[in-house]
Amino acid sequence: MKRILALLLAIGLFTSVAFAHNGMEHVMGTVASITDASIVVKTTDGKSQAVVLNAETKYAKMDTTIALKDIKVGDHVVIHAKKKETQLIAVEVKVGMDMKGMDDMKGMKMDH
């Protein structure tokens, strides 16, 4: 019973579209579409969130650096982004992260 309660609490904590942490916004979900200029994520709460990509955006799959072309529709992602006016600008796109992977974010320094 404690495991179920802990799981529900964890899901509740991480189901928002984006939340602030040291000036960064985090978008978590599944890639709905992707171009050279942006990525649209279907978030964990079912909404769509567009994030702008630029030359400074970094891409990783777990601990390995990848290229934008390696990201596909349907991939699970966590995007660390900075808000600029009304847009989110991706600083880092991490592929292959799911709720289990969120444990890796604990203690992560977010001031890139």
PDB file of N, CA and C in Angstrom:
ATOM      1  N   MET A   1       0.822  -1.193   0.000  1.00  0.00           N
ATOM      2  CA  MET A   1       0.000   0.000   0.000  1.00  0.00           C
ATOM      3  C   MET A   1       0.864   1.254   0.000  1.00  0.00           C
ATOM      4  N   LYS A   2       1.970   1.222   0.751  1.00  0.00           N
ATOM      5  CA  LYS A   2       2.863   2.374   0.794  1.00  0.00           C
ATOM      6  C   LYS A   2       3.483   2.632  -0.577  1.00  0.00           C
ATOM      7  N   ARG A   3       3.785   1.560  -1.309  1.00  0.00           N
ATOM      8  CA  ARG A   3       4.358   1.713  -2.651  1.00  0.00           C
ATOM      9  C   ARG A   3       3.380   2.408  -3.589  1.00  0.00           C
ATOM     10  N   ILE A   4       2.129   2.018  -3.518  1.00  0.00           N
ATOM     11  CA  ILE A   4       1.108   2.627  -4.375  1.00  0.00           C
ATOM     12  C   ILE A   4       0.962   4.102  -4.028  1.00  0.00           C
ATOM     13  N   LEU A   5       0.913   4.403  -2.742  1.00  0.00           N
ATOM     14  CA  LEU A   5       0.812   5.793  -2.315  1.00  0.00           C
ATOM     15  C   LEU A   5       2.015   6.603  -2.781  1.00  0.00           C
ATOM     16  N   ALA A   6       3.210   6.034  -2.649  1.00  0.00           N
ATOM     17  CA  ALA A   6       4.431   6.724  -3.095  1.00  0.00           C
ATOM     18  C   ALA A   6       4.402   6.942  -4.604  1.00  0.00           C
ATOM     19  N   LEU A   7       3.944   5.953  -5.360  1.00  0.00           N
ATOM     20  CA  LEU A   7       3.849   6.077  -6.812  1.00  0.00           C
ATOM     21  C   LEU A   7       2.866   7.169  -7.203  1.00  0.00           C
ATOM     22  N   LEU A   8       1.706   7.186  -6.561  1.00  0.00           N
ATOM     23  CA  LEU A   8       0.714   8.211  -6.860  1.00  0.00           C
ATOM     24  C   LEU A   8       1.232   9.602  -6.517  1.00  0.00           C
ATOM     25  N   LEU A   9       1.948   9.716  -5.423  1.00  0.00           N
ATOM     26  CA  LEU A   9       2.542  10.996  -5.046  1.00  0.00           C
ATOM     27  C   LEU A   9       3.570  11.441  -6.084  1.00  0.00           C
ATOM     28  N   ALA A  10       4.416  10.515  -6.524  1.00  0.00           N
ATOM     29  CA  ALA A  10       5.426  10.841  -7.536  1.00  0.00           C
ATOM     30  C   ALA A  10       4.771  11.275  -8.839  1.00  0.00           C
ATOM     31  N   ILE A  11       3.739  10.575  -9.257  1.00  0.00           N
ATOM     32  CA  ILE A  11       3.035  10.943 -10.485  1.00  0.00           C
ATOM     33  C   ILE A  11       2.415  12.323 -10.334  1.00  0.00           C
ATOM     34  N   GLY A  12       1.822  12.587  -9.201  1.00  0.00           N
ATOM     35  CA  GLY A  12       1.226  13.895  -8.954  1.00  0.00           C
ATOM     36  C   GLY A  12       2.238  15.021  -8.987  1.00  0.00           C
ATOM     37  N   LEU A  13       3.434  14.760  -8.513  1.00  0.00           N
ATOM     38  CA  LEU A  13       4.469  15.788  -8.494  1.00  0.00           C
ATOM     39  C   LEU A  13       5.015  16.107  -9.879  1.00  0.00           C
ATOM     40  N   PHE A  14       5.000  15.133 -10.781  1.00  0.00           N
ATOM     41  CA  PHE A  14       5.656  15.314 -12.067  1.00  0.00           C
ATOM     42  C   PHE A  14       4.722  15.347 -13.267  1.00  0.00           C
ATOM     43  N   THR A  15       3.435  15.560 -13.056  1.00  0.00           N
ATOM     44  CA  THR A  15       2.513  15.550 -14.188  1.00  0.00           C
ATOM     45  C   THR A  15       2.204  16.927 -14.744  1.00  0.00           C
ATOM     46  N   SER A  16       2.792  17.950 -14.234  1.00  0.00           N
ATOM     47  CA  SER A  16       2.519  19.283 -14.771  1.00  0.00           C
ATOM     48  C   SER A  16       3.194  19.471 -16.116  1.00  0.00           C
ATOM     49  N   VAL A  17       2.652  20.379 -16.912  1.00  0.00           N
ATOM     50  CA  VAL A  17       3.220  20.671 -18.220  1.00  0.00           C
ATOM     51  C   VAL A  17       4.649  21.154 -18.061  1.00  0.00           C
ATOM     52  N   ALA A  18       4.834  22.117 -17.217  1.00  0.00           N
ATOM     53  CA  ALA A  18       6.161  22.676 -16.993  1.00  0.00           C
ATOM     54  C   ALA A  18       6.199  23.212 -15.579  1.00  0.00           C
ATOM     55  N   PHE A  19       7.359  23.103 -14.964  1.00  0.00           N
ATOM     56  CA  PHE A  19       7.509  23.683 -13.650  1.00  0.00           C
ATOM     57  C   PHE A  19       8.878  24.338 -13.564  1.00  0.00           C
ATOM     58  N   ALA A  20       8.975  25.377 -12.772  1.00  0.00           N
ATOM     59  CA  ALA A  20      10.206  26.150 -12.685  1.00  0.00           C
ATOM     60  C   ALA A  20      11.180  25.514 -11.699  1.00  0.00           C
ATOM     61  N   HIS A  21      12.456  25.566 -12.030  1.00  0.00           N
ATOM     62  CA  HIS A  21      13.524  25.104 -11.155  1.00  0.00           C
ATOM     63  C   HIS A  21      14.780  25.877 -11.527  1.00  0.00           C
ATOM     64  N   ASN A  22      15.181  26.782 -10.664  1.00  0.00           N
ATOM     65  CA  ASN A  22      16.363  27.602 -10.923  1.00  0.00           C
ATOM     66  C   ASN A  22      16.286  28.315 -12.267  1.00  0.00           C
ATOM     67  N   GLY A  23      15.141  28.898 -12.562  1.00  0.00           N
ATOM     68  CA  GLY A  23      14.989  29.660 -13.792  1.00  0.00           C
ATOM     69  C   GLY A  23      14.718  28.836 -15.029  1.00  0.00           C
ATOM     70  N   MET A  24      14.639  27.527 -14.892  1.00  0.00           N
ATOM     71  CA  MET A  24      14.364  26.655 -16.038  1.00  0.00           C
ATOM     72  C   MET A  24      12.936  26.149 -15.949  1.00  0.00           C
ATOM     73  N   GLU A  25      12.350  25.908 -17.102  1.00  0.00           N
ATOM     74  CA  GLU A  25      11.049  25.253 -17.195  1.00  0.00           C
ATOM     75  C   GLU A  25      11.331  23.848 -17.712  1.00  0.00           C
ATOM     76  N   HIS A  26      10.514  22.899 -17.304  1.00  0.00           N
ATOM     77  CA  HIS A  26      10.702  21.514 -17.736  1.00  0.00           C
ATOM     78  C   HIS A  26       9.430  21.028 -18.396  1.00  0.00           C
ATOM     79  N   VAL A  27       9.575  20.511 -19.595  1.00  0.00           N
ATOM     80  CA  VAL A  27       8.441  19.962 -20.336  1.00  0.00           C
ATOM     81  C   VAL A  27       8.695  18.463 -20.465  1.00  0.00           C
ATOM     82  N   MET A  28       7.742  17.657 -19.994  1.00  0.00           N
ATOM     83  CA  MET A  28       7.898  16.211 -20.010  1.00  0.00           C
ATOM     84  C   MET A  28       6.756  15.578 -20.778  1.00  0.00           C
ATOM     85  N   GLY A  29       7.080  14.600 -21.605  1.00  0.00           N
ATOM     86  CA  GLY A  29       6.041  13.900 -22.341  1.00  0.00           C
ATOM     87  C   GLY A  29       6.589  13.173 -23.542  1.00  0.00           C
ATOM     88  N   THR A  30       5.745  13.072 -24.577  1.00  0.00           N
ATOM     89  CA  THR A  30       6.074  12.325 -25.788  1.00  0.00           C
ATOM     90  C   THR A  30       6.124  13.280 -26.969  1.00  0.00           C
ATOM     91  N   VAL A  31       7.116  13.099 -27.838  1.00  0.00           N
ATOM     92  CA  VAL A  31       7.263  13.945 -29.018  1.00  0.00           C
ATOM     93  C   VAL A  31       6.068  13.718 -29.942  1.00  0.00           C
ATOM     94  N   ALA A  32       5.329  14.805 -30.208  1.00  0.00           N
ATOM     95  CA  ALA A  32       4.179  14.742 -31.120  1.00  0.00           C
ATOM     96  C   ALA A  32       4.590  15.125 -32.538  1.00  0.00           C
ATOM     97  N   SER A  33       5.511  16.106 -32.647  1.00  0.00           N
ATOM     98  CA  SER A  33       6.050  16.508 -33.953  1.00  0.00           C
ATOM     99  C   SER A  33       7.381  17.205 -33.715  1.00  0.00           C
ATOM    100  N   ILE A  34       8.190  17.232 -34.768  1.00  0.00           N
ATOM    101  CA  ILE A  34       9.513  17.835 -34.643  1.00  0.00           C
ATOM    102  C   ILE A  34       9.954  18.395 -35.992  1.00  0.00           C
ATOM    103  N   THR A  35      10.549  19.591 -35.950  1.00  0.00           N
ATOM    104  CA  THR A  35      11.158  20.213 -37.131  1.00  0.00           C
ATOM    105  C   THR A  35      12.548  20.698 -36.712  1.00  0.00           C
ATOM    106  N   ASP A  36      13.260  21.319 -37.634  1.00  0.00           N
ATOM    107  CA  ASP A  36      14.567  21.882 -37.288  1.00  0.00           C
ATOM    108  C   ASP A  36      14.440  23.061 -36.330  1.00  0.00           C
ATOM    109  N   ALA A  37      13.253  23.672 -36.263  1.00  0.00           N
ATOM    110  CA  ALA A  37      13.066  24.878 -35.458  1.00  0.00           C
ATOM    111  C   ALA A  37      12.293  24.672 -34.162  1.00  0.00           C
ATOM    112  N   SER A  38      11.537  23.551 -34.059  1.00  0.00           N
ATOM    113  CA  SER A  38      10.738  23.363 -32.848  1.00  0.00           C
ATOM    114  C   SER A  38      10.383  21.897 -32.633  1.00  0.00           C
ATOM    115  N   ILE A  39       9.958  21.647 -31.419  1.00  0.00           N
ATOM    116  CA  ILE A  39       9.482  20.321 -31.051  1.00  0.00           C
ATOM    117  C   ILE A  39       8.165  20.530 -30.301  1.00  0.00           C
ATOM    118  N   VAL A  40       7.171  19.709 -30.630  1.00  0.00           N
ATOM    119  CA  VAL A  40       5.894  19.758 -29.919  1.00  0.00           C
ATOM    120  C   VAL A  40       5.800  18.490 -29.093  1.00  0.00           C
ATOM    121  N   VAL A  41       5.538  18.679 -27.791  1.00  0.00           N
ATOM    122  CA  VAL A  41       5.473  17.569 -26.854  1.00  0.00           C
ATOM    123  C   VAL A  41       4.041  17.407 -26.362  1.00  0.00           C
ATOM    124  N   LYS A  42       3.534  16.179 -26.419  1.00  0.00           N
ATOM    125  CA  LYS A  42       2.263  15.875 -25.764  1.00  0.00           C
ATOM    126  C   LYS A  42       2.641  15.575 -24.323  1.00  0.00           C
ATOM    127  N   THR A  43       2.271  16.480 -23.443  1.00  0.00           N
ATOM    128  CA  THR A  43       2.721  16.405 -22.061  1.00  0.00           C
ATOM    129  C   THR A  43       2.010  15.294 -21.301  1.00  0.00           C
ATOM    130  N   THR A  44       2.504  15.036 -20.101  1.00  0.00           N
ATOM    131  CA  THR A  44       1.961  13.964 -19.285  1.00  0.00           C
ATOM    132  C   THR A  44       0.509  14.197 -18.898  1.00  0.00           C
ATOM    133  N   ASP A  45       0.033  15.448 -19.015  1.00  0.00           N
ATOM    134  CA  ASP A  45      -1.381  15.707 -18.723  1.00  0.00           C
ATOM    135  C   ASP A  45      -2.221  15.839 -19.993  1.00  0.00           C
ATOM    136  N   GLY A  46      -1.649  15.425 -21.149  1.00  0.00           N
ATOM    137  CA  GLY A  46      -2.408  15.372 -22.393  1.00  0.00           C
ATOM    138  C   GLY A  46      -2.436  16.635 -23.222  1.00  0.00           C
ATOM    139  N   LYS A  47      -1.794  17.698 -22.771  1.00  0.00           N
ATOM    140  CA  LYS A  47      -1.765  18.947 -23.530  1.00  0.00           C
ATOM    141  C   LYS A  47      -0.574  18.943 -24.488  1.00  0.00           C
ATOM    142  N   SER A  48      -0.595  19.855 -25.456  1.00  0.00           N
ATOM    143  CA  SER A  48       0.533  20.011 -26.376  1.00  0.00           C
ATOM    144  C   SER A  48       1.318  21.259 -25.997  1.00  0.00           C
ATOM    145  N   GLN A  49       2.644  21.134 -25.997  1.00  0.00           N
ATOM    146  CA  GLN A  49       3.513  22.259 -25.671  1.00  0.00           C
ATOM    147  C   GLN A  49       4.599  22.364 -26.732  1.00  0.00           C
ATOM    148  N   ALA A  50       4.666  23.515 -27.403  1.00  0.00           N
ATOM    149  CA  ALA A  50       5.720  23.757 -28.399  1.00  0.00           C
ATOM    150  C   ALA A  50       6.937  24.351 -27.701  1.00  0.00           C
ATOM    151  N   VAL A  51       8.117  23.900 -28.109  1.00  0.00           N
ATOM    152  CA  VAL A  51       9.375  24.411 -27.575  1.00  0.00           C
ATOM    153  C   VAL A  51      10.279  24.725 -28.765  1.00  0.00           C
ATOM    154  N   VAL A  52      10.871  25.914 -28.747  1.00  0.00           N
ATOM    155  CA  VAL A  52      11.746  26.361 -29.831  1.00  0.00           C
ATOM    156  C   VAL A  52      13.121  25.712 -29.677  1.00  0.00           C
ATOM    157  N   LEU A  53      13.688  25.271 -30.802  1.00  0.00           N
ATOM    158  CA  LEU A  53      15.047  24.724 -30.851  1.00  0.00           C
ATOM    159  C   LEU A  53      15.951  25.740 -31.532  1.00  0.00           C
ATOM    160  N   ASN A  54      17.224  25.790 -31.109  1.00  0.00           N
ATOM    161  CA  ASN A  54      18.168  26.682 -31.777  1.00  0.00           C
ATOM    162  C   ASN A  54      19.555  26.041 -31.816  1.00  0.00           C
ATOM    163  N   ALA A  55      20.530  26.758 -32.321  1.00  0.00           N
ATOM    164  CA  ALA A  55      21.881  26.220 -32.490  1.00  0.00           C
ATOM    165  C   ALA A  55      22.533  25.857 -31.157  1.00  0.00           C
ATOM    166  N   GLU A  56      22.083  26.470 -30.060  1.00  0.00           N
ATOM    167  CA  GLU A  56      22.679  26.190 -28.752  1.00  0.00           C
ATOM    168  C   GLU A  56      22.019  25.009 -28.033  1.00  0.00           C
ATOM    169  N   THR A  57      20.884  24.521 -28.535  1.00  0.00           N
ATOM    170  CA  THR A  57      20.184  23.413 -27.886  1.00  0.00           C
ATOM    171  C   THR A  57      21.057  22.162 -27.922  1.00  0.00           C
ATOM    172  N   LYS A  58      21.155  21.498 -26.768  1.00  0.00           N
ATOM    173  CA  LYS A  58      21.905  20.247 -26.666  1.00  0.00           C
ATOM    174  C   LYS A  58      20.913  19.082 -26.619  1.00  0.00           C
ATOM    175  N   TYR A  59      21.346  17.940 -27.131  1.00  0.00           N
ATOM    176  CA  TYR A  59      20.491  16.761 -27.195  1.00  0.00           C
ATOM    177  C   TYR A  59      21.235  15.582 -26.573  1.00  0.00           C
ATOM    178  N   ALA A  60      20.505  14.768 -25.795  1.00  0.00           N
ATOM    179  CA  ALA A  60      21.139  13.613 -25.154  1.00  0.00           C
ATOM    180  C   ALA A  60      20.137  12.482 -25.033  1.00  0.00           C
ATOM    181  N   LYS A  61      20.654  11.273 -25.105  1.00  0.00           N
ATOM    182  CA  LYS A  61      19.873  10.074 -24.801  1.00  0.00           C
ATOM    183  C   LYS A  61      20.590   9.434 -23.627  1.00  0.00           C
ATOM    184  N   MET A  62      19.950   9.542 -22.474  1.00  0.00           N
ATOM    185  CA  MET A  62      20.548   9.169 -21.197  1.00  0.00           C
ATOM    186  C   MET A  62      21.851   9.969 -21.057  1.00  0.00           C
ATOM    187  N   ASP A  63      23.027   9.340 -21.035  1.00  0.00           N
ATOM    188  CA  ASP A  63      24.278  10.085 -20.853  1.00  0.00           C
ATOM    189  C   ASP A  63      25.062  10.268 -22.147  1.00  0.00           C
ATOM    190  N   THR A  64      24.451   9.952 -23.295  1.00  0.00           N
ATOM    191  CA  THR A  64      25.134  10.027 -24.578  1.00  0.00           C
ATOM    192  C   THR A  64      24.619  11.208 -25.394  1.00  0.00           C
ATOM    193  N   THR A  65      25.547  12.000 -25.930  1.00  0.00           N
ATOM    194  CA  THR A  65      25.162  13.115 -26.795  1.00  0.00           C
ATOM    195  C   THR A  65      24.626  12.565 -28.113  1.00  0.00           C
ATOM    196  N   ILE A  66      23.512  13.133 -28.567  1.00  0.00           N
ATOM    197  CA  ILE A  66      22.927  12.741 -29.843  1.00  0.00           C
ATOM    198  C   ILE A  66      22.671  14.004 -30.665  1.00  0.00           C
ATOM    199  N   ALA A  67      22.174  13.823 -31.883  1.00  0.00           N
ATOM    200  CA  ALA A  67      21.827  14.944 -32.751  1.00  0.00           C
ATOM    201  C   ALA A  67      20.303  15.062 -32.841  1.00  0.00           C
ATOM    202  N   LEU A  68      19.837  16.210 -33.274  1.00  0.00           N
ATOM    203  CA  LEU A  68      18.402  16.437 -33.446  1.00  0.00           C
ATOM    204  C   LEU A  68      17.781  15.354 -34.321  1.00  0.00           C
ATOM    205  N   LYS A  69      18.472  14.939 -35.366  1.00  0.00           N
ATOM    206  CA  LYS A  69      17.939  13.939 -36.296  1.00  0.00           C
ATOM    207  C   LYS A  69      17.691  12.582 -35.630  1.00  0.00           C
ATOM    208  N   ASP A  70      18.279  12.365 -34.447  1.00  0.00           N
ATOM    209  CA  ASP A  70      18.093  11.105 -33.726  1.00  0.00           C
ATOM    210  C   ASP A  70      16.791  11.064 -32.930  1.00  0.00           C
ATOM    211  N   ILE A  71      16.116  12.190 -32.814  1.00  0.00           N
ATOM    212  CA  ILE A  71      14.865  12.259 -32.063  1.00  0.00           C
ATOM    213  C   ILE A  71      13.700  11.994 -33.006  1.00  0.00           C
ATOM    214  N   LYS A  72      12.798  11.128 -32.583  1.00  0.00           N
ATOM    215  CA  LYS A  72      11.677  10.710 -33.426  1.00  0.00           C
ATOM    216  C   LYS A  72      10.346  10.968 -32.726  1.00  0.00           C
ATOM    217  N   VAL A  73       9.294  11.109 -33.521  1.00  0.00           N
ATOM    218  CA  VAL A  73       7.936  11.203 -32.991  1.00  0.00           C
ATOM    219  C   VAL A  73       7.678   9.947 -32.160  1.00  0.00           C
ATOM    220  N   GLY A  74       7.123  10.133 -30.980  1.00  0.00           N
ATOM    221  CA  GLY A  74       6.843   9.019 -30.077  1.00  0.00           C
ATOM    222  C   GLY A  74       7.889   8.840 -28.987  1.00  0.00           C
ATOM    223  N   ASP A  75       9.065   9.458 -29.137  1.00  0.00           N
ATOM    224  CA  ASP A  75      10.100   9.369 -28.102  1.00  0.00           C
ATOM    225  C   ASP A  75       9.639  10.081 -26.836  1.00  0.00           C
ATOM    226  N   HIS A  76       9.998   9.529 -25.693  1.00  0.00           N
ATOM    227  CA  HIS A  76       9.736  10.182 -24.410  1.00  0.00           C
ATOM    228  C   HIS A  76      10.866  11.180 -24.168  1.00  0.00           C
ATOM    229  N   VAL A  77      10.515  12.400 -23.771  1.00  0.00           N
ATOM    230  CA  VAL A  77      11.515  13.449 -23.579  1.00  0.00           C
ATOM    231  C   VAL A  77      11.260  14.245 -22.304  1.00  0.00           C
ATOM    232  N   VAL A  78      12.349  14.811 -21.817  1.00  0.00           N
ATOM    233  CA  VAL A  78      12.306  15.862 -20.802  1.00  0.00           C
ATOM    234  C   VAL A  78      13.103  17.003 -21.405  1.00  0.00           C
ATOM    235  N   ILE A  79      12.477  18.162 -21.512  1.00  0.00           N
ATOM    236  CA  ILE A  79      13.141  19.325 -22.098  1.00  0.00           C
ATOM    237  C   ILE A  79      13.353  20.364 -21.017  1.00  0.00           C
ATOM    238  N   HIS A  80      14.600  20.799 -20.879  1.00  0.00           N
ATOM    239  CA  HIS A  80      14.942  21.894 -19.976  1.00  0.00           C
ATOM    240  C   HIS A  80      14.976  23.144 -20.852  1.00  0.00           C
ATOM    241  N   ALA A  81      14.166  24.134 -20.513  1.00  0.00           N
ATOM    242  CA  ALA A  81      14.023  25.306 -21.372  1.00  0.00           C
ATOM    243  C   ALA A  81      13.982  26.588 -20.550  1.00  0.00           C
ATOM    244  N   LYS A  82      14.337  27.672 -21.220  1.00  0.00           N
ATOM    245  CA  LYS A  82      14.233  28.997 -20.624  1.00  0.00           C
ATOM    246  C   LYS A  82      13.075  29.713 -21.299  1.00  0.00           C
ATOM    247  N   LYS A  83      12.331  30.466 -20.504  1.00  0.00           N
ATOM    248  CA  LYS A  83      11.210  31.218 -21.053  1.00  0.00           C
ATOM    249  C   LYS A  83      11.711  32.568 -21.540  1.00  0.00           C
ATOM    250  N   LYS A  84      11.358  32.908 -22.777  1.00  0.00           N
ATOM    251  CA  LYS A  84      11.700  34.202 -23.358  1.00  0.00           C
ATOM    252  C   LYS A  84      10.413  34.769 -23.927  1.00  0.00           C
ATOM    253  N   GLU A  85       9.904  35.787 -23.265  1.00  0.00           N
ATOM    254  CA  GLU A  85       8.600  36.365 -23.607  1.00  0.00           C
ATOM    255  C   GLU A  85       7.546  35.272 -23.531  1.00  0.00           C
ATOM    256  N   THR A  86       6.922  34.906 -24.637  1.00  0.00           N
ATOM    257  CA  THR A  86       5.869  33.891 -24.606  1.00  0.00           C
ATOM    258  C   THR A  86       6.349  32.524 -25.076  1.00  0.00           C
ATOM    259  N   GLN A  87       7.644  32.394 -25.396  1.00  0.00           N
ATOM    260  CA  GLN A  87       8.167  31.139 -25.936  1.00  0.00           C
ATOM    261  C   GLN A  87       9.049  30.422 -24.928  1.00  0.00           C
ATOM    262  N   LEU A  88       9.085  29.103 -25.063  1.00  0.00           N
ATOM    263  CA  LEU A  88      10.056  28.304 -24.339  1.00  0.00           C
ATOM    264  C   LEU A  88      11.172  27.962 -25.317  1.00  0.00           C
ATOM    265  N   ILE A  89      12.425  28.256 -24.932  1.00  0.00           N
ATOM    266  CA  ILE A  89      13.591  27.981 -25.769  1.00  0.00           C
ATOM    267  C   ILE A  89      14.348  26.813 -25.143  1.00  0.00           C
ATOM    268  N   ALA A  90      14.490  25.719 -25.878  1.00  0.00           N
ATOM    269  CA  ALA A  90      15.135  24.514 -25.347  1.00  0.00           C
ATOM    270  C   ALA A  90      16.623  24.733 -25.122  1.00  0.00           C
ATOM    271  N   VAL A  91      17.066  24.426 -23.918  1.00  0.00           N
ATOM    272  CA  VAL A  91      18.491  24.409 -23.594  1.00  0.00           C
ATOM    273  C   VAL A  91      19.008  22.986 -23.794  1.00  0.00           C
ATOM    274  N   GLU A  92      18.206  22.010 -23.323  1.00  0.00           N
ATOM    275  CA  GLU A  92      18.587  20.613 -23.450  1.00  0.00           C
ATOM    276  C   GLU A  92      17.350  19.756 -23.648  1.00  0.00           C
ATOM    277  N   VAL A  93      17.455  18.800 -24.571  1.00  0.00           N
ATOM    278  CA  VAL A  93      16.400  17.824 -24.810  1.00  0.00           C
ATOM    279  C   VAL A  93      16.970  16.465 -24.456  1.00  0.00           C
ATOM    280  N   LYS A  94      16.375  15.822 -23.439  1.00  0.00           N
ATOM    281  CA  LYS A  94      16.823  14.495 -23.018  1.00  0.00           C
ATOM    282  C   LYS A  94      15.791  13.474 -23.479  1.00  0.00           C
ATOM    283  N   VAL A  95      16.237  12.493 -24.245  1.00  0.00           N
ATOM    284  CA  VAL A  95      15.371  11.474 -24.833  1.00  0.00           C
ATOM    285  C   VAL A  95      15.453  10.193 -24.022  1.00  0.00           C
ATOM    286  N   GLY A  96      14.326   9.502 -23.968  1.00  0.00           N
ATOM    287  CA  GLY A  96      14.314   8.187 -23.338  1.00  0.00           C
ATOM    288  C   GLY A  96      14.063   8.237 -21.853  1.00  0.00           C
ATOM    289  N   MET A  97      13.703   9.410 -21.330  1.00  0.00           N
ATOM    290  CA  MET A  97      13.424   9.503 -19.901  1.00  0.00           C
ATOM    291  C   MET A  97      11.944   9.245 -19.675  1.00  0.00           C
ATOM    292  N   ASP A  98      11.643   8.500 -18.633  1.00  0.00           N
ATOM    293  CA  ASP A  98      10.264   8.272 -18.229  1.00  0.00           C
ATOM    294  C   ASP A  98      10.182   8.579 -16.741  1.00  0.00           C
ATOM    295  N   MET A  99       9.130   8.200 -16.086  1.00  0.00           N
ATOM    296  CA  MET A  99       8.991   8.503 -14.660  1.00  0.00           C
ATOM    297  C   MET A  99      10.136   7.896 -13.865  1.00  0.00           C
ATOM    298  N   LYS A 100      10.621   6.719 -14.264  1.00  0.00           N
ATOM    299  CA  LYS A 100      11.754   6.108 -13.575  1.00  0.00           C
ATOM    300  C   LYS A 100      12.982   7.007 -13.734  1.00  0.00           C
ATOM    301  N   GLY A 101      13.135   7.590 -14.918  1.00  0.00           N
ATOM    302  CA  GLY A 101      14.274   8.453 -15.189  1.00  0.00           C
ATOM    303  C   GLY A 101      14.242   9.755 -14.429  1.00  0.00           C
ATOM    304  N   MET A 102      13.087  10.126 -13.887  1.00  0.00           N
ATOM    305  CA  MET A 102      12.992  11.368 -13.124  1.00  0.00           C
ATOM    306  C   MET A 102      13.859  11.314 -11.882  1.00  0.00           C
ATOM    307  N   ASP A 103      14.160  10.120 -11.358  1.00  0.00           N
ATOM    308  CA  ASP A 103      15.045  10.007 -10.204  1.00  0.00           C
ATOM    309  C   ASP A 103      16.420  10.570 -10.524  1.00  0.00           C
ATOM    310  N   ASP A 104      16.828  10.495 -11.794  1.00  0.00           N
ATOM    311  CA  ASP A 104      18.121  11.024 -12.211  1.00  0.00           C
ATOM    312  C   ASP A 104      18.187  12.535 -12.122  1.00  0.00           C
ATOM    313  N   MET A 105      17.020  13.212 -12.083  1.00  0.00           N
ATOM    314  CA  MET A 105      16.994  14.667 -12.051  1.00  0.00           C
ATOM    315  C   MET A 105      17.211  15.221 -10.648  1.00  0.00           C
ATOM    316  N   LYS A 106      17.070  14.397  -9.618  1.00  0.00           N
ATOM    317  CA  LYS A 106      17.245  14.873  -8.255  1.00  0.00           C
ATOM    318  C   LYS A 106      18.663  15.392  -8.078  1.00  0.00           C
ATOM    319  N   GLY A 107      18.792  16.589  -7.589  1.00  0.00           N
ATOM    320  CA  GLY A 107      20.103  17.171  -7.344  1.00  0.00           C
ATOM    321  C   GLY A 107      20.782  17.696  -8.588  1.00  0.00           C
ATOM    322  N   MET A 108      20.108  17.635  -9.741  1.00  0.00           N
ATOM    323  CA  MET A 108      20.694  18.080 -10.994  1.00  0.00           C
ATOM    324  C   MET A 108      20.800  19.606 -11.000  1.00  0.00           C
ATOM    325  N   LYS A 109      21.936  20.131 -11.373  1.00  0.00           N
ATOM    326  CA  LYS A 109      22.122  21.566 -11.436  1.00  0.00           C
ATOM    327  C   LYS A 109      21.463  22.086 -12.710  1.00  0.00           C
ATOM    328  N   MET A 110      20.555  23.055 -12.584  1.00  0.00           N
ATOM    329  CA  MET A 110      19.759  23.515 -13.713  1.00  0.00           C
ATOM    330  C   MET A 110      20.180  24.873 -14.230  1.00  0.00           C
ATOM    331  N   ASP A 111      21.249  25.439 -13.769  1.00  0.00           N
ATOM    332  CA  ASP A 111      21.634  26.784 -14.218  1.00  0.00           C
ATOM    333  C   ASP A 111      22.727  26.697 -15.276  1.00  0.00           C
ATOM    334  N   HIS A 112      22.387  26.118 -16.443  1.00  0.00           N
ATOM    335  CA  HIS A 112      23.325  25.918 -17.565  1.00  0.00           C
ATOM    336  C   HIS A 112      23.864  27.224 -18.047  1.00  0.00           C
TER     337      HIS A 112
END
